[in-house]
Amino acid sequence: MEAQRPLFSGAVALPETYRTGWSIIPHFVHSPFYCYSYSFGNLLVLALFERYREEGSNFIPGYLRLLESGGSDTPARLLAALGADISRPDFWETGFRAIVRLLEELRRTVDLSG
């Protein structure tokens, strides 16, 4: 509770039942690395979107094939067909650069509204 209260900065009143409420959420306790898939997916999409921004409409056919393939193979193999090597740090750096760009845009927006 001491760690959670500052997180909400007084905007949310945490009832006493919140103290143990987290323990009934199965993926907090029984599914290690549950949230990893969200981070992986988010960074993957940002990196692929950067490719789209660079390649334009030429990127679309391969991306549609990727989507059509669903979960038919490992992410590494499916993405390799798109020309993406997820074992290379520079692939992921592309996604991080997108995050930096979005943060810079947010800062500019906040500065303009201030």
PDB file of N, CA and C in Angstrom:
ATOM      1  N   MET A   1       0.835  -1.183   0.000  1.00  0.00           N
ATOM      2  CA  MET A   1       0.000   0.000   0.000  1.00  0.00           C
ATOM      3  C   MET A   1       0.883   1.251   0.000  1.00  0.00           C
ATOM      4  N   GLU A   2       2.009   1.194   0.705  1.00  0.00           N
ATOM      5  CA  GLU A   2       2.901   2.348   0.748  1.00  0.00           C
ATOM      6  C   GLU A   2       3.470   2.666  -0.635  1.00  0.00           C
ATOM      7  N   ALA A   3       3.681   1.635  -1.439  1.00  0.00           N
ATOM      8  CA  ALA A   3       4.194   1.855  -2.791  1.00  0.00           C
ATOM      9  C   ALA A   3       3.090   2.273  -3.752  1.00  0.00           C
ATOM     10  N   GLN A   4       1.878   1.825  -3.527  1.00  0.00           N
ATOM     11  CA  GLN A   4       0.777   2.109  -4.442  1.00  0.00           C
ATOM     12  C   GLN A   4       0.197   3.507  -4.253  1.00  0.00           C
ATOM     13  N   ARG A   5       0.063   3.952  -3.035  1.00  0.00           N
ATOM     14  CA  ARG A   5      -0.556   5.271  -2.786  1.00  0.00           C
ATOM     15  C   ARG A   5       0.160   6.398  -3.539  1.00  0.00           C
ATOM     16  N   PRO A   6       1.492   6.493  -3.459  1.00  0.00           N
ATOM     17  CA  PRO A   6       2.163   7.567  -4.217  1.00  0.00           C
ATOM     18  C   PRO A   6       1.966   7.443  -5.728  1.00  0.00           C
ATOM     19  N   LEU A   7       1.796   6.227  -6.202  1.00  0.00           N
ATOM     20  CA  LEU A   7       1.582   6.011  -7.624  1.00  0.00           C
ATOM     21  C   LEU A   7       0.345   6.750  -8.115  1.00  0.00           C
ATOM     22  N   PHE A   8      -0.690   6.778  -7.290  1.00  0.00           N
ATOM     23  CA  PHE A   8      -1.954   7.404  -7.682  1.00  0.00           C
ATOM     24  C   PHE A   8      -2.039   8.876  -7.267  1.00  0.00           C
ATOM     25  N   SER A   9      -1.060   9.369  -6.541  1.00  0.00           N
ATOM     26  CA  SER A   9      -0.981  10.792  -6.158  1.00  0.00           C
ATOM     27  C   SER A   9      -2.275  11.341  -5.578  1.00  0.00           C
ATOM     28  N   GLY A  10      -2.984  10.540  -4.842  1.00  0.00           N
ATOM     29  CA  GLY A  10      -4.213  11.010  -4.227  1.00  0.00           C
ATOM     30  C   GLY A  10      -5.413  11.062  -5.166  1.00  0.00           C
ATOM     31  N   ALA A  11      -5.206  10.730  -6.441  1.00  0.00           N
ATOM     32  CA  ALA A  11      -6.301  10.778  -7.411  1.00  0.00           C
ATOM     33  C   ALA A  11      -7.254   9.603  -7.254  1.00  0.00           C
ATOM     34  N   VAL A  12      -6.777   8.532  -6.618  1.00  0.00           N
ATOM     35  CA  VAL A  12      -7.585   7.333  -6.416  1.00  0.00           C
ATOM     36  C   VAL A  12      -7.492   6.958  -4.940  1.00  0.00           C
ATOM     37  N   ALA A  13      -8.642   6.758  -4.323  1.00  0.00           N
ATOM     38  CA  ALA A  13      -8.649   6.304  -2.935  1.00  0.00           C
ATOM     39  C   ALA A  13      -8.572   4.780  -2.936  1.00  0.00           C
ATOM     40  N   LEU A  14      -7.542   4.240  -2.323  1.00  0.00           N
ATOM     41  CA  LEU A  14      -7.365   2.796  -2.284  1.00  0.00           C
ATOM     42  C   LEU A  14      -8.044   2.241  -1.041  1.00  0.00           C
ATOM     43  N   PRO A  15      -9.058   1.398  -1.235  1.00  0.00           N
ATOM     44  CA  PRO A  15      -9.709   0.801  -0.058  1.00  0.00           C
ATOM     45  C   PRO A  15      -8.770  -0.205   0.610  1.00  0.00           C
ATOM     46  N   GLU A  16      -9.013  -0.496   1.842  1.00  0.00           N
ATOM     47  CA  GLU A  16      -8.164  -1.424   2.589  1.00  0.00           C
ATOM     48  C   GLU A  16      -8.127  -2.802   1.911  1.00  0.00           C
ATOM     49  N   THR A  17      -9.211  -3.185   1.240  1.00  0.00           N
ATOM     50  CA  THR A  17      -9.242  -4.491   0.570  1.00  0.00           C
ATOM     51  C   THR A  17      -8.225  -4.584  -0.573  1.00  0.00           C
ATOM     52  N   TYR A  18      -7.744  -3.440  -1.048  1.00  0.00           N
ATOM     53  CA  TYR A  18      -6.741  -3.436  -2.117  1.00  0.00           C
ATOM     54  C   TYR A  18      -5.424  -4.050  -1.636  1.00  0.00           C
ATOM     55  N   ARG A  19      -5.209  -4.027  -0.333  1.00  0.00           N
ATOM     56  CA  ARG A  19      -3.969  -4.535   0.245  1.00  0.00           C
ATOM     57  C   ARG A  19      -3.683  -5.971  -0.212  1.00  0.00           C
ATOM     58  N   THR A  20      -4.695  -6.809  -0.291  1.00  0.00           N
ATOM     59  CA  THR A  20      -4.507  -8.206  -0.695  1.00  0.00           C
ATOM     60  C   THR A  20      -5.194  -8.535  -2.016  1.00  0.00           C
ATOM     61  N   GLY A  21      -5.881  -7.582  -2.600  1.00  0.00           N
ATOM     62  CA  GLY A  21      -6.634  -7.826  -3.835  1.00  0.00           C
ATOM     63  C   GLY A  21      -5.794  -8.303  -4.988  1.00  0.00           C
ATOM     64  N   TRP A  22      -4.546  -7.818  -5.069  1.00  0.00           N
ATOM     65  CA  TRP A  22      -3.668  -8.219  -6.165  1.00  0.00           C
ATOM     66  C   TRP A  22      -3.458  -9.733  -6.197  1.00  0.00           C
ATOM     67  N   SER A  23      -3.565 -10.382  -5.034  1.00  0.00           N
ATOM     68  CA  SER A  23      -3.232 -11.807  -4.946  1.00  0.00           C
ATOM     69  C   SER A  23      -4.257 -12.715  -5.626  1.00  0.00           C
ATOM     70  N   ILE A  24      -5.417 -12.180  -5.982  1.00  0.00           N
ATOM     71  CA  ILE A  24      -6.418 -13.012  -6.663  1.00  0.00           C
ATOM     72  C   ILE A  24      -6.307 -12.929  -8.182  1.00  0.00           C
ATOM     73  N   ILE A  25      -5.372 -12.129  -8.673  1.00  0.00           N
ATOM     74  CA  ILE A  25      -5.186 -12.002 -10.118  1.00  0.00           C
ATOM     75  C   ILE A  25      -4.189 -13.082 -10.541  1.00  0.00           C
ATOM     76  N   PRO A  26      -4.664 -14.112 -11.245  1.00  0.00           N
ATOM     77  CA  PRO A  26      -3.829 -15.290 -11.523  1.00  0.00           C
ATOM     78  C   PRO A  26      -2.500 -14.988 -12.200  1.00  0.00           C
ATOM     79  N   HIS A  27      -2.478 -14.074 -13.166  1.00  0.00           N
ATOM     80  CA  HIS A  27      -1.229 -13.878 -13.895  1.00  0.00           C
ATOM     81  C   HIS A  27      -0.172 -13.143 -13.063  1.00  0.00           C
ATOM     82  N   PHE A  28      -0.535 -12.545 -11.948  1.00  0.00           N
ATOM     83  CA  PHE A  28       0.465 -11.951 -11.067  1.00  0.00           C
ATOM     84  C   PHE A  28       1.256 -13.031 -10.338  1.00  0.00           C
ATOM     85  N   VAL A  29       0.617 -14.180 -10.083  1.00  0.00           N
ATOM     86  CA  VAL A  29       1.211 -15.204  -9.235  1.00  0.00           C
ATOM     87  C   VAL A  29       1.616 -16.461 -10.007  1.00  0.00           C
ATOM     88  N   HIS A  30       0.792 -16.887 -10.947  1.00  0.00           N
ATOM     89  CA  HIS A  30       0.970 -18.206 -11.568  1.00  0.00           C
ATOM     90  C   HIS A  30       1.521 -18.196 -12.986  1.00  0.00           C
ATOM     91  N   SER A  31       1.726 -17.052 -13.564  1.00  0.00           N
ATOM     92  CA  SER A  31       2.177 -16.989 -14.959  1.00  0.00           C
ATOM     93  C   SER A  31       3.417 -16.118 -15.080  1.00  0.00           C
ATOM     94  N   PRO A  32       4.588 -16.694 -14.826  1.00  0.00           N
ATOM     95  CA  PRO A  32       5.817 -15.905 -14.938  1.00  0.00           C
ATOM     96  C   PRO A  32       5.945 -15.277 -16.334  1.00  0.00           C
ATOM     97  N   PHE A  33       6.449 -14.099 -16.377  1.00  0.00           N
ATOM     98  CA  PHE A  33       6.689 -13.354 -17.614  1.00  0.00           C
ATOM     99  C   PHE A  33       5.414 -13.044 -18.394  1.00  0.00           C
ATOM    100  N   TYR A  34       4.275 -13.045 -17.712  1.00  0.00           N
ATOM    101  CA  TYR A  34       2.998 -12.773 -18.370  1.00  0.00           C
ATOM    102  C   TYR A  34       3.039 -11.445 -19.127  1.00  0.00           C
ATOM    103  N   CYS A  35       3.543 -10.421 -18.505  1.00  0.00           N
ATOM    104  CA  CYS A  35       3.549  -9.094 -19.120  1.00  0.00           C
ATOM    105  C   CYS A  35       4.634  -8.943 -20.177  1.00  0.00           C
ATOM    106  N   TYR A  36       5.568  -9.868 -20.230  1.00  0.00           N
ATOM    107  CA  TYR A  36       6.618  -9.822 -21.238  1.00  0.00           C
ATOM    108  C   TYR A  36       6.007  -9.779 -22.639  1.00  0.00           C
ATOM    109  N   SER A  37       4.946 -10.540 -22.848  1.00  0.00           N
ATOM    110  CA  SER A  37       4.347 -10.582 -24.184  1.00  0.00           C
ATOM    111  C   SER A  37       3.819  -9.211 -24.608  1.00  0.00           C
ATOM    112  N   TYR A  38       3.346  -8.415 -23.658  1.00  0.00           N
ATOM    113  CA  TYR A  38       2.882  -7.069 -23.999  1.00  0.00           C
ATOM    114  C   TYR A  38       4.046  -6.194 -24.439  1.00  0.00           C
ATOM    115  N   SER A  39       5.144  -6.255 -23.701  1.00  0.00           N
ATOM    116  CA  SER A  39       6.321  -5.454 -24.052  1.00  0.00           C
ATOM    117  C   SER A  39       6.892  -5.900 -25.390  1.00  0.00           C
ATOM    118  N   PHE A  40       6.979  -7.212 -25.580  1.00  0.00           N
ATOM    119  CA  PHE A  40       7.484  -7.755 -26.841  1.00  0.00           C
ATOM    120  C   PHE A  40       6.613  -7.271 -27.996  1.00  0.00           C
ATOM    121  N   GLY A  41       5.304  -7.429 -27.857  1.00  0.00           N
ATOM    122  CA  GLY A  41       4.386  -7.048 -28.925  1.00  0.00           C
ATOM    123  C   GLY A  41       4.416  -5.563 -29.223  1.00  0.00           C
ATOM    124  N   ASN A  42       4.464  -4.750 -28.174  1.00  0.00           N
ATOM    125  CA  ASN A  42       4.470  -3.304 -28.376  1.00  0.00           C
ATOM    126  C   ASN A  42       5.728  -2.859 -29.109  1.00  0.00           C
ATOM    127  N   LEU A  43       6.874  -3.327 -28.659  1.00  0.00           N
ATOM    128  CA  LEU A  43       8.124  -2.936 -29.293  1.00  0.00           C
ATOM    129  C   LEU A  43       8.222  -3.492 -30.715  1.00  0.00           C
ATOM    130  N   LEU A  44       7.710  -4.700 -30.915  1.00  0.00           N
ATOM    131  CA  LEU A  44       7.688  -5.299 -32.250  1.00  0.00           C
ATOM    132  C   LEU A  44       6.862  -4.448 -33.215  1.00  0.00           C
ATOM    133  N   VAL A  45       5.680  -4.065 -32.788  1.00  0.00           N
ATOM    134  CA  VAL A  45       4.804  -3.271 -33.653  1.00  0.00           C
ATOM    135  C   VAL A  45       5.434  -1.920 -33.974  1.00  0.00           C
ATOM    136  N   LEU A  46       6.074  -1.308 -32.982  1.00  0.00           N
ATOM    137  CA  LEU A  46       6.732  -0.029 -33.242  1.00  0.00           C
ATOM    138  C   LEU A  46       7.861  -0.188 -34.252  1.00  0.00           C
ATOM    139  N   ALA A  47       8.636  -1.248 -34.126  1.00  0.00           N
ATOM    140  CA  ALA A  47       9.726  -1.483 -35.077  1.00  0.00           C
ATOM    141  C   ALA A  47       9.170  -1.744 -36.476  1.00  0.00           C
ATOM    142  N   LEU A  48       8.098  -2.527 -36.565  1.00  0.00           N
ATOM    143  CA  LEU A  48       7.494  -2.798 -37.869  1.00  0.00           C
ATOM    144  C   LEU A  48       6.861  -1.539 -38.456  1.00  0.00           C
ATOM    145  N   PHE A  49       6.282  -0.718 -37.622  1.00  0.00           N
ATOM    146  CA  PHE A  49       5.692   0.535 -38.108  1.00  0.00           C
ATOM    147  C   PHE A  49       6.779   1.453 -38.669  1.00  0.00           C
ATOM    148  N   GLU A  50       7.936   1.441 -38.044  1.00  0.00           N
ATOM    149  CA  GLU A  50       9.042   2.233 -38.575  1.00  0.00           C
ATOM    150  C   GLU A  50       9.446   1.732 -39.952  1.00  0.00           C
ATOM    151  N   ARG A  51       9.446   0.411 -40.120  1.00  0.00           N
ATOM    152  CA  ARG A  51       9.726  -0.153 -41.451  1.00  0.00           C
ATOM    153  C   ARG A  51       8.687   0.324 -42.454  1.00  0.00           C
ATOM    154  N   TYR A  52       7.433   0.317 -42.044  1.00  0.00           N
ATOM    155  CA  TYR A  52       6.367   0.792 -42.926  1.00  0.00           C
ATOM    156  C   TYR A  52       6.597   2.262 -43.298  1.00  0.00           C
ATOM    157  N   ARG A  53       6.983   3.064 -42.327  1.00  0.00           N
ATOM    158  CA  ARG A  53       7.224   4.483 -42.598  1.00  0.00           C
ATOM    159  C   ARG A  53       8.357   4.654 -43.608  1.00  0.00           C
ATOM    160  N   GLU A  54       9.357   3.779 -43.548  1.00  0.00           N
ATOM    161  CA  GLU A  54      10.486   3.847 -44.480  1.00  0.00           C
ATOM    162  C   GLU A  54      10.125   3.320 -45.859  1.00  0.00           C
ATOM    163  N   GLU A  55       9.379   2.200 -45.901  1.00  0.00           N
ATOM    164  CA  GLU A  55       9.122   1.505 -47.165  1.00  0.00           C
ATOM    165  C   GLU A  55       7.792   1.880 -47.810  1.00  0.00           C
ATOM    166  N   GLY A  56       6.889   2.434 -47.047  1.00  0.00           N
ATOM    167  CA  GLY A  56       5.585   2.808 -47.587  1.00  0.00           C
ATOM    168  C   GLY A  56       4.776   1.593 -48.000  1.00  0.00           C
ATOM    169  N   SER A  57       4.070   1.732 -49.095  1.00  0.00           N
ATOM    170  CA  SER A  57       3.141   0.683 -49.532  1.00  0.00           C
ATOM    171  C   SER A  57       3.845  -0.626 -49.904  1.00  0.00           C
ATOM    172  N   ASN A  58       5.146  -0.583 -50.176  1.00  0.00           N
ATOM    173  CA  ASN A  58       5.881  -1.824 -50.473  1.00  0.00           C
ATOM    174  C   ASN A  58       5.915  -2.765 -49.270  1.00  0.00           C
ATOM    175  N   PHE A  59       5.751  -2.226 -48.077  1.00  0.00           N
ATOM    176  CA  PHE A  59       5.790  -3.028 -46.860  1.00  0.00           C
ATOM    177  C   PHE A  59       4.500  -3.826 -46.663  1.00  0.00           C
ATOM    178  N   ILE A  60       3.405  -3.344 -47.187  1.00  0.00           N
ATOM    179  CA  ILE A  60       2.076  -3.891 -46.892  1.00  0.00           C
ATOM    180  C   ILE A  60       1.894  -5.356 -47.298  1.00  0.00           C
ATOM    181  N   PRO A  61       2.244  -5.788 -48.499  1.00  0.00           N
ATOM    182  CA  PRO A  61       2.009  -7.200 -48.859  1.00  0.00           C
ATOM    183  C   PRO A  61       2.683  -8.184 -47.896  1.00  0.00           C
ATOM    184  N   GLY A  62       3.937  -7.933 -47.549  1.00  0.00           N
ATOM    185  CA  GLY A  62       4.633  -8.819 -46.615  1.00  0.00           C
ATOM    186  C   GLY A  62       4.001  -8.797 -45.236  1.00  0.00           C
ATOM    187  N   TYR A  63       3.572  -7.618 -44.823  1.00  0.00           N
ATOM    188  CA  TYR A  63       2.933  -7.496 -43.512  1.00  0.00           C
ATOM    189  C   TYR A  63       1.606  -8.249 -43.488  1.00  0.00           C
ATOM    190  N   LEU A  64       0.851  -8.164 -44.565  1.00  0.00           N
ATOM    191  CA  LEU A  64      -0.411  -8.911 -44.637  1.00  0.00           C
ATOM    192  C   LEU A  64      -0.154 -10.412 -44.610  1.00  0.00           C
ATOM    193  N   ARG A  65       0.899 -10.867 -45.283  1.00  0.00           N
ATOM    194  CA  ARG A  65       1.248 -12.295 -45.214  1.00  0.00           C
ATOM    195  C   ARG A  65       1.609 -12.695 -43.781  1.00  0.00           C
ATOM    196  N   LEU A  66       2.321 -11.822 -43.093  1.00  0.00           N
ATOM    197  CA  LEU A  66       2.654 -12.081 -41.692  1.00  0.00           C
ATOM    198  C   LEU A  66       1.386 -12.243 -40.862  1.00  0.00           C
ATOM    199  N   LEU A  67       0.446 -11.336 -41.013  1.00  0.00           N
ATOM    200  CA  LEU A  67      -0.811 -11.414 -40.260  1.00  0.00           C
ATOM    201  C   LEU A  67      -1.593 -12.679 -40.623  1.00  0.00           C
ATOM    202  N   GLU A  68      -1.615 -13.015 -41.889  1.00  0.00           N
ATOM    203  CA  GLU A  68      -2.344 -14.206 -42.341  1.00  0.00           C
ATOM    204  C   GLU A  68      -1.738 -15.493 -41.785  1.00  0.00           C
ATOM    205  N   SER A  69      -0.446 -15.464 -41.485  1.00  0.00           N
ATOM    206  CA  SER A  69       0.218 -16.674 -40.998  1.00  0.00           C
ATOM    207  C   SER A  69      -0.152 -16.988 -39.552  1.00  0.00           C
ATOM    208  N   GLY A  70      -0.717 -16.009 -38.846  1.00  0.00           N
ATOM    209  CA  GLY A  70      -1.156 -16.248 -37.469  1.00  0.00           C
ATOM    210  C   GLY A  70      -0.045 -16.807 -36.612  1.00  0.00           C
ATOM    211  N   GLY A  71      -0.344 -17.829 -35.836  1.00  0.00           N
ATOM    212  CA  GLY A  71       0.645 -18.456 -34.967  1.00  0.00           C
ATOM    213  C   GLY A  71       1.179 -19.741 -35.557  1.00  0.00           C
ATOM    214  N   SER A  72       1.314 -19.796 -36.883  1.00  0.00           N
ATOM    215  CA  SER A  72       1.713 -21.031 -37.554  1.00  0.00           C
ATOM    216  C   SER A  72       3.183 -21.400 -37.360  1.00  0.00           C
ATOM    217  N   ASP A  73       3.985 -20.487 -36.830  1.00  0.00           N
ATOM    218  CA  ASP A  73       5.405 -20.764 -36.612  1.00  0.00           C
ATOM    219  C   ASP A  73       5.892 -19.860 -35.489  1.00  0.00           C
ATOM    220  N   THR A  74       7.153 -19.933 -35.178  1.00  0.00           N
ATOM    221  CA  THR A  74       7.703 -19.081 -34.126  1.00  0.00           C
ATOM    222  C   THR A  74       7.732 -17.630 -34.613  1.00  0.00           C
ATOM    223  N   PRO A  75       7.687 -16.683 -33.698  1.00  0.00           N
ATOM    224  CA  PRO A  75       7.792 -15.280 -34.117  1.00  0.00           C
ATOM    225  C   PRO A  75       9.055 -15.018 -34.932  1.00  0.00           C
ATOM    226  N   ALA A  76      10.170 -15.610 -34.541  1.00  0.00           N
ATOM    227  CA  ALA A  76      11.425 -15.374 -35.263  1.00  0.00           C
ATOM    228  C   ALA A  76      11.313 -15.815 -36.720  1.00  0.00           C
ATOM    229  N   ARG A  77      10.737 -16.963 -36.962  1.00  0.00           N
ATOM    230  CA  ARG A  77      10.611 -17.460 -38.349  1.00  0.00           C
ATOM    231  C   ARG A  77       9.587 -16.651 -39.143  1.00  0.00           C
ATOM    232  N   LEU A  78       8.467 -16.342 -38.516  1.00  0.00           N
ATOM    233  CA  LEU A  78       7.446 -15.576 -39.222  1.00  0.00           C
ATOM    234  C   LEU A  78       7.972 -14.200 -39.612  1.00  0.00           C
ATOM    235  N   LEU A  79       8.690 -13.569 -38.713  1.00  0.00           N
ATOM    236  CA  LEU A  79       9.216 -12.238 -38.988  1.00  0.00           C
ATOM    237  C   LEU A  79      10.387 -12.282 -39.960  1.00  0.00           C
ATOM    238  N   ALA A  80      11.132 -13.383 -39.965  1.00  0.00           N
ATOM    239  CA  ALA A  80      12.233 -13.530 -40.927  1.00  0.00           C
ATOM    240  C   ALA A  80      11.701 -13.480 -42.353  1.00  0.00           C
ATOM    241  N   ALA A  81      10.506 -14.035 -42.564  1.00  0.00           N
ATOM    242  CA  ALA A  81       9.897 -13.986 -43.896  1.00  0.00           C
ATOM    243  C   ALA A  81       9.612 -12.551 -44.318  1.00  0.00           C
ATOM    244  N   LEU A  82       9.501 -11.664 -43.354  1.00  0.00           N
ATOM    245  CA  LEU A  82       9.273 -10.244 -43.617  1.00  0.00           C
ATOM    246  C   LEU A  82      10.601  -9.487 -43.719  1.00  0.00           C
ATOM    247  N   GLY A  83      11.698 -10.222 -43.500  1.00  0.00           N
ATOM    248  CA  GLY A  83      13.011  -9.596 -43.549  1.00  0.00           C
ATOM    249  C   GLY A  83      13.436  -8.986 -42.228  1.00  0.00           C
ATOM    250  N   ALA A  84      12.770  -9.359 -41.150  1.00  0.00           N
ATOM    251  CA  ALA A  84      13.097  -8.832 -39.829  1.00  0.00           C
ATOM    252  C   ALA A  84      13.816  -9.910 -39.025  1.00  0.00           C
ATOM    253  N   ASP A  85      14.964  -9.570 -38.496  1.00  0.00           N
ATOM    254  CA  ASP A  85      15.733 -10.501 -37.671  1.00  0.00           C
ATOM    255  C   ASP A  85      15.640 -10.038 -36.224  1.00  0.00           C
ATOM    256  N   ILE A  86      14.755 -10.682 -35.457  1.00  0.00           N
ATOM    257  CA  ILE A  86      14.523 -10.232 -34.090  1.00  0.00           C
ATOM    258  C   ILE A  86      15.647 -10.635 -33.134  1.00  0.00           C
ATOM    259  N   SER A  87      16.652 -11.327 -33.642  1.00  0.00           N
ATOM    260  CA  SER A  87      17.801 -11.647 -32.799  1.00  0.00           C
ATOM    261  C   SER A  87      18.829 -10.514 -32.819  1.00  0.00           C
ATOM    262  N   ARG A  88      18.616  -9.537 -33.679  1.00  0.00           N
ATOM    263  CA  ARG A  88      19.571  -8.433 -33.813  1.00  0.00           C
ATOM    264  C   ARG A  88      19.128  -7.225 -32.982  1.00  0.00           C
ATOM    265  N   PRO A  89      20.014  -6.712 -32.180  1.00  0.00           N
ATOM    266  CA  PRO A  89      19.669  -5.534 -31.371  1.00  0.00           C
ATOM    267  C   PRO A  89      19.199  -4.332 -32.198  1.00  0.00           C
ATOM    268  N   ASP A  90      19.747  -4.172 -33.401  1.00  0.00           N
ATOM    269  CA  ASP A  90      19.353  -3.003 -34.195  1.00  0.00           C
ATOM    270  C   ASP A  90      17.883  -3.061 -34.610  1.00  0.00           C
ATOM    271  N   PHE A  91      17.312  -4.269 -34.720  1.00  0.00           N
ATOM    272  CA  PHE A  91      15.876  -4.364 -35.002  1.00  0.00           C
ATOM    273  C   PHE A  91      15.088  -3.718 -33.866  1.00  0.00           C
ATOM    274  N   TRP A  92      15.446  -4.062 -32.632  1.00  0.00           N
ATOM    275  CA  TRP A  92      14.731  -3.536 -31.465  1.00  0.00           C
ATOM    276  C   TRP A  92      15.020  -2.057 -31.257  1.00  0.00           C
ATOM    277  N   GLU A  93      16.220  -1.617 -31.613  1.00  0.00           N
ATOM    278  CA  GLU A  93      16.551  -0.195 -31.492  1.00  0.00           C
ATOM    279  C   GLU A  93      15.610   0.655 -32.338  1.00  0.00           C
ATOM    280  N   THR A  94      15.160   0.097 -33.447  1.00  0.00           N
ATOM    281  CA  THR A  94      14.207   0.813 -34.294  1.00  0.00           C
ATOM    282  C   THR A  94      12.929   1.107 -33.512  1.00  0.00           C
ATOM    283  N   GLY A  95      12.465   0.133 -32.764  1.00  0.00           N
ATOM    284  CA  GLY A  95      11.268   0.346 -31.937  1.00  0.00           C
ATOM    285  C   GLY A  95      11.518   1.351 -30.830  1.00  0.00           C
ATOM    286  N   PHE A  96      12.697   1.292 -30.216  1.00  0.00           N
ATOM    287  CA  PHE A  96      13.024   2.260 -29.160  1.00  0.00           C
ATOM    288  C   PHE A  96      13.116   3.676 -29.721  1.00  0.00           C
ATOM    289  N   ARG A  97      13.630   3.811 -30.939  1.00  0.00           N
ATOM    290  CA  ARG A  97      13.685   5.139 -31.556  1.00  0.00           C
ATOM    291  C   ARG A  97      12.274   5.694 -31.748  1.00  0.00           C
ATOM    292  N   ALA A  98      11.329   4.824 -32.065  1.00  0.00           N
ATOM    293  CA  ALA A  98       9.939   5.272 -32.206  1.00  0.00           C
ATOM    294  C   ALA A  98       9.409   5.771 -30.866  1.00  0.00           C
ATOM    295  N   ILE A  99       9.763   5.098 -29.795  1.00  0.00           N
ATOM    296  CA  ILE A  99       9.322   5.536 -28.463  1.00  0.00           C
ATOM    297  C   ILE A  99       9.920   6.900 -28.141  1.00  0.00           C
ATOM    298  N   VAL A 100      11.196   7.085 -28.439  1.00  0.00           N
ATOM    299  CA  VAL A 100      11.844   8.371 -28.192  1.00  0.00           C
ATOM    300  C   VAL A 100      11.139   9.472 -28.984  1.00  0.00           C
ATOM    301  N   ARG A 101      10.822   9.188 -30.237  1.00  0.00           N
ATOM    302  CA  ARG A 101      10.130  10.177 -31.068  1.00  0.00           C
ATOM    303  C   ARG A 101       8.763  10.532 -30.476  1.00  0.00           C
ATOM    304  N   LEU A 102       8.037   9.523 -29.998  1.00  0.00           N
ATOM    305  CA  LEU A 102       6.733   9.777 -29.388  1.00  0.00           C
ATOM    306  C   LEU A 102       6.866  10.600 -28.105  1.00  0.00           C
ATOM    307  N   LEU A 103       7.891  10.323 -27.323  1.00  0.00           N
ATOM    308  CA  LEU A 103       8.120  11.103 -26.107  1.00  0.00           C
ATOM    309  C   LEU A 103       8.471  12.547 -26.439  1.00  0.00           C
ATOM    310  N   GLU A 104       9.276  12.741 -27.462  1.00  0.00           N
ATOM    311  CA  GLU A 104       9.618  14.099 -27.879  1.00  0.00           C
ATOM    312  C   GLU A 104       8.376  14.848 -28.347  1.00  0.00           C
ATOM    313  N   GLU A 105       7.507  14.148 -29.072  1.00  0.00           N
ATOM    314  CA  GLU A 105       6.252  14.765 -29.519  1.00  0.00           C
ATOM    315  C   GLU A 105       5.380  15.139 -28.323  1.00  0.00           C
ATOM    316  N   LEU A 106       5.324  14.259 -27.330  1.00  0.00           N
ATOM    317  CA  LEU A 106       4.558  14.552 -26.121  1.00  0.00           C
ATOM    318  C   LEU A 106       5.123  15.776 -25.410  1.00  0.00           C
ATOM    319  N   ARG A 107       6.440  15.847 -25.299  1.00  0.00           N
ATOM    320  CA  ARG A 107       7.065  17.008 -24.642  1.00  0.00           C
ATOM    321  C   ARG A 107       6.723  18.303 -25.370  1.00  0.00           C
ATOM    322  N   ARG A 108       6.777  18.276 -26.698  1.00  0.00           N
ATOM    323  CA  ARG A 108       6.429  19.474 -27.472  1.00  0.00           C
ATOM    324  C   ARG A 108       4.969  19.848 -27.246  1.00  0.00           C
ATOM    325  N   THR A 109       4.105  18.855 -27.218  1.00  0.00           N
ATOM    326  CA  THR A 109       2.679  19.110 -27.006  1.00  0.00           C
ATOM    327  C   THR A 109       2.438  19.719 -25.639  1.00  0.00           C
ATOM    328  N   VAL A 110       3.076  19.178 -24.623  1.00  0.00           N
ATOM    329  CA  VAL A 110       2.930  19.700 -23.266  1.00  0.00           C
ATOM    330  C   VAL A 110       3.469  21.121 -23.186  1.00  0.00           C
ATOM    331  N   ASP A 111       4.616  21.363 -23.836  1.00  0.00           N
ATOM    332  CA  ASP A 111       5.182  22.712 -23.836  1.00  0.00           C
ATOM    333  C   ASP A 111       4.249  23.712 -24.503  1.00  0.00           C
ATOM    334  N   LEU A 112       3.585  23.292 -25.566  1.00  0.00           N
ATOM    335  CA  LEU A 112       2.668  24.183 -26.264  1.00  0.00           C
ATOM    336  C   LEU A 112       1.416  24.495 -25.437  1.00  0.00           C
ATOM    337  N   SER A 113       0.981  23.519 -24.653  1.00  0.00           N
ATOM    338  CA  SER A 113      -0.249  23.728 -23.884  1.00  0.00           C
ATOM    339  C   SER A 113       0.020  24.399 -22.541  1.00  0.00           C
ATOM    340  N   GLY A 114       1.294  24.486 -22.146  1.00  0.00           N
ATOM    341  CA  GLY A 114       1.651  25.047 -20.843  1.00  0.00           C
ATOM    342  C   GLY A 114       1.532  26.513 -20.838  1.00  0.00           C
TER     343      GLY A 114
END
